[in-house]
Amino acid sequence: PFGTNMHKDGSVVSAVVKIVFLMVIVSATSPMEISAFTILWVSVVSSIVVGAIPSGGMTGELLICSILGFSPELAGSLLVIATIVDIPATLLNSGENVVAAVLVDKLNKAK
């Protein structure tokens, strides 16, 4: 169960898309500079927080806004992006669980 919760690449990718979307919206009024490491770190933390269910990302969106200092009202704007990237992210998350299970099975048979 811990590995399944940690291996949410689709959630990380969608969090990166959401952060970049917020940066584009906010940079129209005030320039903002966030390092790539910060974006990746916040995305990984956000993917751990979100529920492993479709449309379970609102917690992560609020976390992104609070860690990066965005207004919490912008989390509503992220729902638009979440709707678009939710299905591909869920497919990636569930698909990689199958790949991880097959890999563990192959490694156990090699012993």
N, C-alpha and C. Protein backbone atom coordinates (compact mmCIF):
# COMPACT_ATOMS: atom_id res chain seq x y z
N PRO A 1 0.82 -1.22 0.00
CA PRO A 1 0.00 0.00 0.00
C PRO A 1 0.85 1.27 0.00
N PHE A 2 1.98 1.25 0.70
CA PHE A 2 2.83 2.45 0.74
C PHE A 2 3.40 2.74 -0.64
N GLY A 3 3.84 1.70 -1.33
CA GLY A 3 4.39 1.89 -2.67
C GLY A 3 3.35 2.39 -3.65
N THR A 4 2.13 1.92 -3.52
CA THR A 4 1.06 2.38 -4.39
C THR A 4 0.79 3.86 -4.16
N ASN A 5 0.87 4.29 -2.93
CA ASN A 5 0.62 5.70 -2.63
C ASN A 5 1.79 6.58 -3.07
N MET A 6 3.00 6.05 -3.04
CA MET A 6 4.16 6.84 -3.42
C MET A 6 4.36 6.92 -4.94
N HIS A 7 3.91 5.92 -5.67
CA HIS A 7 4.12 5.88 -7.12
C HIS A 7 2.95 6.49 -7.85
N LYS A 8 2.81 7.79 -7.75
CA LYS A 8 1.73 8.49 -8.44
C LYS A 8 2.33 9.49 -9.41
N ASP A 9 2.96 8.97 -10.47
CA ASP A 9 3.59 9.85 -11.45
C ASP A 9 2.58 10.74 -12.15
N GLY A 10 1.40 10.21 -12.41
CA GLY A 10 0.37 11.02 -13.06
C GLY A 10 -0.03 12.21 -12.21
N SER A 11 -0.07 12.02 -10.91
CA SER A 11 -0.41 13.12 -10.01
C SER A 11 0.71 14.15 -9.98
N VAL A 12 1.97 13.69 -10.05
CA VAL A 12 3.09 14.63 -10.08
C VAL A 12 3.06 15.45 -11.36
N VAL A 13 2.83 14.79 -12.48
CA VAL A 13 2.78 15.50 -13.76
C VAL A 13 1.64 16.52 -13.77
N SER A 14 0.48 16.12 -13.25
CA SER A 14 -0.65 17.06 -13.23
C SER A 14 -0.37 18.22 -12.28
N ALA A 15 0.33 17.98 -11.18
CA ALA A 15 0.68 19.07 -10.26
C ALA A 15 1.64 20.05 -10.92
N VAL A 16 2.59 19.54 -11.71
CA VAL A 16 3.51 20.43 -12.43
C VAL A 16 2.71 21.30 -13.41
N VAL A 17 1.77 20.70 -14.11
CA VAL A 17 0.95 21.47 -15.05
C VAL A 17 0.16 22.55 -14.30
N LYS A 18 -0.37 22.21 -13.14
CA LYS A 18 -1.14 23.18 -12.36
C LYS A 18 -0.26 24.33 -11.87
N ILE A 19 0.96 24.01 -11.42
CA ILE A 19 1.86 25.06 -10.94
C ILE A 19 2.25 25.99 -12.09
N VAL A 20 2.56 25.42 -13.23
CA VAL A 20 2.92 26.26 -14.38
C VAL A 20 1.73 27.12 -14.80
N PHE A 21 0.54 26.56 -14.76
CA PHE A 21 -0.67 27.32 -15.07
C PHE A 21 -0.83 28.50 -14.11
N LEU A 22 -0.62 28.26 -12.82
CA LEU A 22 -0.72 29.35 -11.84
C LEU A 22 0.35 30.41 -12.08
N MET A 23 1.55 29.96 -12.42
CA MET A 23 2.62 30.92 -12.67
C MET A 23 2.30 31.81 -13.87
N VAL A 24 1.69 31.23 -14.90
CA VAL A 24 1.32 32.02 -16.08
C VAL A 24 0.23 33.03 -15.73
N ILE A 25 -0.74 32.59 -14.95
CA ILE A 25 -1.83 33.51 -14.56
C ILE A 25 -1.29 34.65 -13.70
N VAL A 26 -0.48 34.33 -12.71
CA VAL A 26 0.01 35.34 -11.78
C VAL A 26 1.05 36.24 -12.44
N SER A 27 1.85 35.69 -13.34
CA SER A 27 2.90 36.50 -13.97
C SER A 27 2.33 37.59 -14.87
N ALA A 28 1.06 37.49 -15.21
CA ALA A 28 0.45 38.55 -16.01
C ALA A 28 0.35 39.84 -15.20
N THR A 29 0.23 39.73 -13.88
CA THR A 29 0.13 40.92 -13.03
C THR A 29 1.44 41.24 -12.30
N SER A 30 2.15 40.19 -11.87
CA SER A 30 3.43 40.42 -11.20
C SER A 30 4.37 39.27 -11.55
N PRO A 31 5.57 39.58 -12.04
CA PRO A 31 6.51 38.52 -12.41
C PRO A 31 6.86 37.64 -11.21
N MET A 32 7.00 36.35 -11.47
CA MET A 32 7.25 35.40 -10.41
C MET A 32 8.33 34.43 -10.86
N GLU A 33 9.20 34.09 -9.94
CA GLU A 33 10.27 33.16 -10.30
C GLU A 33 10.31 32.04 -9.26
N ILE A 34 10.07 30.83 -9.72
CA ILE A 34 10.13 29.64 -8.87
C ILE A 34 11.08 28.67 -9.54
N SER A 35 11.98 28.08 -8.76
CA SER A 35 12.97 27.17 -9.34
C SER A 35 12.32 25.84 -9.73
N ALA A 36 12.97 25.15 -10.65
CA ALA A 36 12.47 23.85 -11.11
C ALA A 36 12.47 22.85 -9.96
N PHE A 37 13.46 22.94 -9.07
CA PHE A 37 13.51 22.04 -7.91
C PHE A 37 12.30 22.26 -7.00
N THR A 38 11.94 23.52 -6.78
CA THR A 38 10.78 23.82 -5.95
C THR A 38 9.50 23.29 -6.58
N ILE A 39 9.38 23.45 -7.89
CA ILE A 39 8.19 22.93 -8.58
C ILE A 39 8.11 21.42 -8.43
N LEU A 40 9.23 20.73 -8.61
CA LEU A 40 9.23 19.27 -8.48
C LEU A 40 8.94 18.83 -7.05
N TRP A 41 9.55 19.50 -6.08
CA TRP A 41 9.34 19.14 -4.68
C TRP A 41 7.88 19.32 -4.29
N VAL A 42 7.29 20.47 -4.64
CA VAL A 42 5.88 20.72 -4.31
C VAL A 42 4.98 19.73 -5.03
N SER A 43 5.32 19.36 -6.25
CA SER A 43 4.51 18.39 -7.00
C SER A 43 4.54 17.02 -6.34
N VAL A 44 5.69 16.58 -5.88
CA VAL A 44 5.79 15.27 -5.21
C VAL A 44 5.01 15.28 -3.91
N VAL A 45 5.16 16.35 -3.12
CA VAL A 45 4.41 16.44 -1.86
C VAL A 45 2.91 16.48 -2.14
N SER A 46 2.53 17.22 -3.15
CA SER A 46 1.11 17.30 -3.51
C SER A 46 0.56 15.95 -3.95
N SER A 47 1.37 15.17 -4.67
CA SER A 47 0.88 13.86 -5.12
C SER A 47 0.72 12.89 -3.96
N ILE A 48 1.49 13.07 -2.91
CA ILE A 48 1.34 12.21 -1.73
C ILE A 48 0.06 12.56 -0.98
N VAL A 49 -0.29 13.84 -0.97
CA VAL A 49 -1.44 14.31 -0.21
C VAL A 49 -2.77 13.97 -0.87
N VAL A 50 -2.81 13.99 -2.20
CA VAL A 50 -4.10 13.79 -2.88
C VAL A 50 -4.61 12.38 -2.70
N GLY A 51 -5.92 12.25 -2.73
CA GLY A 51 -6.53 10.93 -2.64
C GLY A 51 -6.31 10.16 -3.93
N ALA A 52 -6.12 8.88 -3.80
CA ALA A 52 -5.86 8.04 -4.97
C ALA A 52 -7.16 7.62 -5.64
N ILE A 53 -8.01 8.60 -5.89
CA ILE A 53 -9.28 8.38 -6.56
C ILE A 53 -9.43 9.43 -7.64
N PRO A 54 -10.20 9.16 -8.67
CA PRO A 54 -10.46 10.21 -9.66
C PRO A 54 -11.14 11.42 -9.00
N SER A 55 -10.73 12.59 -9.39
CA SER A 55 -11.22 13.86 -8.84
C SER A 55 -10.90 14.03 -7.36
N GLY A 56 -9.83 13.42 -6.90
CA GLY A 56 -9.45 13.54 -5.50
C GLY A 56 -8.34 14.53 -5.26
N GLY A 57 -8.12 15.45 -6.19
CA GLY A 57 -6.97 16.33 -6.13
C GLY A 57 -7.18 17.69 -5.50
N MET A 58 -8.35 17.99 -4.99
CA MET A 58 -8.58 19.32 -4.43
C MET A 58 -7.67 19.60 -3.25
N THR A 59 -7.36 18.60 -2.47
CA THR A 59 -6.44 18.78 -1.35
C THR A 59 -5.07 19.21 -1.85
N GLY A 60 -4.61 18.57 -2.90
CA GLY A 60 -3.32 18.92 -3.48
C GLY A 60 -3.30 20.32 -4.06
N GLU A 61 -4.41 20.73 -4.64
CA GLU A 61 -4.49 22.07 -5.21
C GLU A 61 -4.41 23.13 -4.13
N LEU A 62 -5.07 22.89 -3.01
CA LEU A 62 -4.97 23.83 -1.89
C LEU A 62 -3.57 23.84 -1.31
N LEU A 63 -2.92 22.67 -1.27
CA LEU A 63 -1.56 22.59 -0.77
C LEU A 63 -0.59 23.36 -1.68
N ILE A 64 -0.76 23.22 -2.98
CA ILE A 64 0.07 23.95 -3.93
C ILE A 64 -0.06 25.45 -3.70
N CYS A 65 -1.28 25.92 -3.56
CA CYS A 65 -1.50 27.35 -3.35
C CYS A 65 -0.88 27.83 -2.04
N SER A 66 -1.02 27.03 -0.99
CA SER A 66 -0.51 27.49 0.30
C SER A 66 1.02 27.44 0.37
N ILE A 67 1.65 26.40 -0.19
CA ILE A 67 3.11 26.31 -0.13
C ILE A 67 3.76 27.39 -0.98
N LEU A 68 3.24 27.62 -2.16
CA LEU A 68 3.86 28.59 -3.07
C LEU A 68 3.39 30.02 -2.84
N GLY A 69 2.49 30.23 -1.90
CA GLY A 69 2.08 31.58 -1.56
C GLY A 69 1.02 32.17 -2.47
N PHE A 70 0.32 31.33 -3.21
CA PHE A 70 -0.77 31.83 -4.04
C PHE A 70 -2.02 31.99 -3.18
N SER A 71 -2.93 32.80 -3.65
CA SER A 71 -4.19 32.98 -2.95
C SER A 71 -5.00 31.69 -3.01
N PRO A 72 -5.63 31.29 -1.91
CA PRO A 72 -6.43 30.06 -1.92
C PRO A 72 -7.59 30.10 -2.92
N GLU A 73 -8.02 31.30 -3.28
CA GLU A 73 -9.11 31.42 -4.26
C GLU A 73 -8.69 30.90 -5.63
N LEU A 74 -7.38 30.87 -5.90
CA LEU A 74 -6.90 30.36 -7.18
C LEU A 74 -7.05 28.84 -7.30
N ALA A 75 -7.30 28.17 -6.19
CA ALA A 75 -7.51 26.72 -6.25
C ALA A 75 -8.73 26.39 -7.09
N GLY A 76 -9.70 27.28 -7.11
CA GLY A 76 -10.86 27.08 -7.96
C GLY A 76 -10.50 27.10 -9.44
N SER A 77 -9.52 27.92 -9.80
CA SER A 77 -9.06 27.96 -11.19
C SER A 77 -8.37 26.67 -11.57
N LEU A 78 -7.74 26.05 -10.59
CA LEU A 78 -7.05 24.79 -10.86
C LEU A 78 -8.02 23.63 -11.12
N LEU A 79 -9.26 23.79 -10.71
CA LEU A 79 -10.25 22.75 -11.00
C LEU A 79 -10.44 22.56 -12.50
N VAL A 80 -10.29 23.64 -13.26
CA VAL A 80 -10.40 23.53 -14.72
C VAL A 80 -9.28 22.65 -15.26
N ILE A 81 -8.05 22.90 -14.81
CA ILE A 81 -6.92 22.09 -15.24
C ILE A 81 -7.06 20.67 -14.71
N ALA A 82 -7.54 20.53 -13.48
CA ALA A 82 -7.70 19.20 -12.89
C ALA A 82 -8.68 18.35 -13.69
N THR A 83 -9.73 18.98 -14.19
CA THR A 83 -10.71 18.25 -14.99
C THR A 83 -10.09 17.72 -16.28
N ILE A 84 -9.20 18.52 -16.87
CA ILE A 84 -8.58 18.11 -18.12
C ILE A 84 -7.55 17.01 -17.91
N VAL A 85 -6.73 17.12 -16.87
CA VAL A 85 -5.61 16.18 -16.69
C VAL A 85 -5.94 15.00 -15.77
N ASP A 86 -7.14 14.96 -15.21
CA ASP A 86 -7.46 13.93 -14.23
C ASP A 86 -7.49 12.53 -14.82
N ILE A 87 -8.12 12.35 -15.96
CA ILE A 87 -8.23 11.01 -16.55
C ILE A 87 -6.87 10.49 -17.00
N PRO A 88 -6.06 11.27 -17.75
CA PRO A 88 -4.72 10.76 -18.09
C PRO A 88 -3.85 10.50 -16.87
N ALA A 89 -3.96 11.33 -15.83
CA ALA A 89 -3.17 11.12 -14.62
C ALA A 89 -3.59 9.83 -13.91
N THR A 90 -4.88 9.57 -13.85
CA THR A 90 -5.36 8.33 -13.23
C THR A 90 -4.90 7.12 -14.03
N LEU A 91 -4.94 7.21 -15.34
CA LEU A 91 -4.46 6.11 -16.18
C LEU A 91 -2.97 5.84 -15.94
N LEU A 92 -2.19 6.89 -15.86
CA LEU A 92 -0.76 6.72 -15.61
C LEU A 92 -0.51 6.14 -14.22
N ASN A 93 -1.23 6.62 -13.23
CA ASN A 93 -1.07 6.10 -11.86
C ASN A 93 -1.41 4.62 -11.78
N SER A 94 -2.55 4.22 -12.35
CA SER A 94 -2.95 2.81 -12.26
C SER A 94 -2.11 1.92 -13.16
N GLY A 95 -1.70 2.44 -14.30
CA GLY A 95 -0.86 1.65 -15.20
C GLY A 95 0.50 1.35 -14.61
N GLU A 96 1.08 2.32 -13.92
CA GLU A 96 2.39 2.08 -13.34
C GLU A 96 2.33 1.11 -12.17
N ASN A 97 1.18 1.01 -11.51
CA ASN A 97 1.05 0.01 -10.44
C ASN A 97 1.13 -1.40 -11.01
N VAL A 98 0.56 -1.60 -12.19
CA VAL A 98 0.64 -2.91 -12.84
C VAL A 98 2.09 -3.21 -13.23
N VAL A 99 2.76 -2.22 -13.78
CA VAL A 99 4.17 -2.40 -14.17
C VAL A 99 5.02 -2.71 -12.95
N ALA A 100 4.79 -2.01 -11.84
CA ALA A 100 5.55 -2.27 -10.62
C ALA A 100 5.30 -3.68 -10.10
N ALA A 101 4.05 -4.15 -10.17
CA ALA A 101 3.74 -5.50 -9.70
C ALA A 101 4.41 -6.55 -10.57
N VAL A 102 4.41 -6.36 -11.88
CA VAL A 102 5.07 -7.31 -12.78
C VAL A 102 6.58 -7.32 -12.54
N LEU A 103 7.16 -6.14 -12.31
CA LEU A 103 8.59 -6.05 -12.05
C LEU A 103 8.97 -6.77 -10.75
N VAL A 104 8.18 -6.57 -9.70
CA VAL A 104 8.44 -7.27 -8.43
C VAL A 104 8.31 -8.77 -8.62
N ASP A 105 7.32 -9.21 -9.38
CA ASP A 105 7.13 -10.63 -9.64
C ASP A 105 8.34 -11.20 -10.38
N LYS A 106 8.81 -10.51 -11.39
CA LYS A 106 9.99 -10.97 -12.16
C LYS A 106 11.23 -11.03 -11.27
N LEU A 107 11.43 -10.03 -10.42
CA LEU A 107 12.59 -10.02 -9.55
C LEU A 107 12.54 -11.14 -8.51
N ASN A 108 11.33 -11.45 -8.03
CA ASN A 108 11.20 -12.54 -7.05
C ASN A 108 11.43 -13.89 -7.69
N LYS A 109 11.06 -14.06 -8.94
CA LYS A 109 11.28 -15.34 -9.64
C LYS A 109 12.75 -15.52 -9.98
N ALA A 110 13.49 -14.42 -10.12
CA ALA A 110 14.92 -14.52 -10.46
C ALA A 110 15.76 -15.05 -9.30
N LYS A 111 15.26 -14.94 -8.07
CA LYS A 111 16.00 -15.40 -6.90
C LYS A 111 15.94 -16.87 -6.86
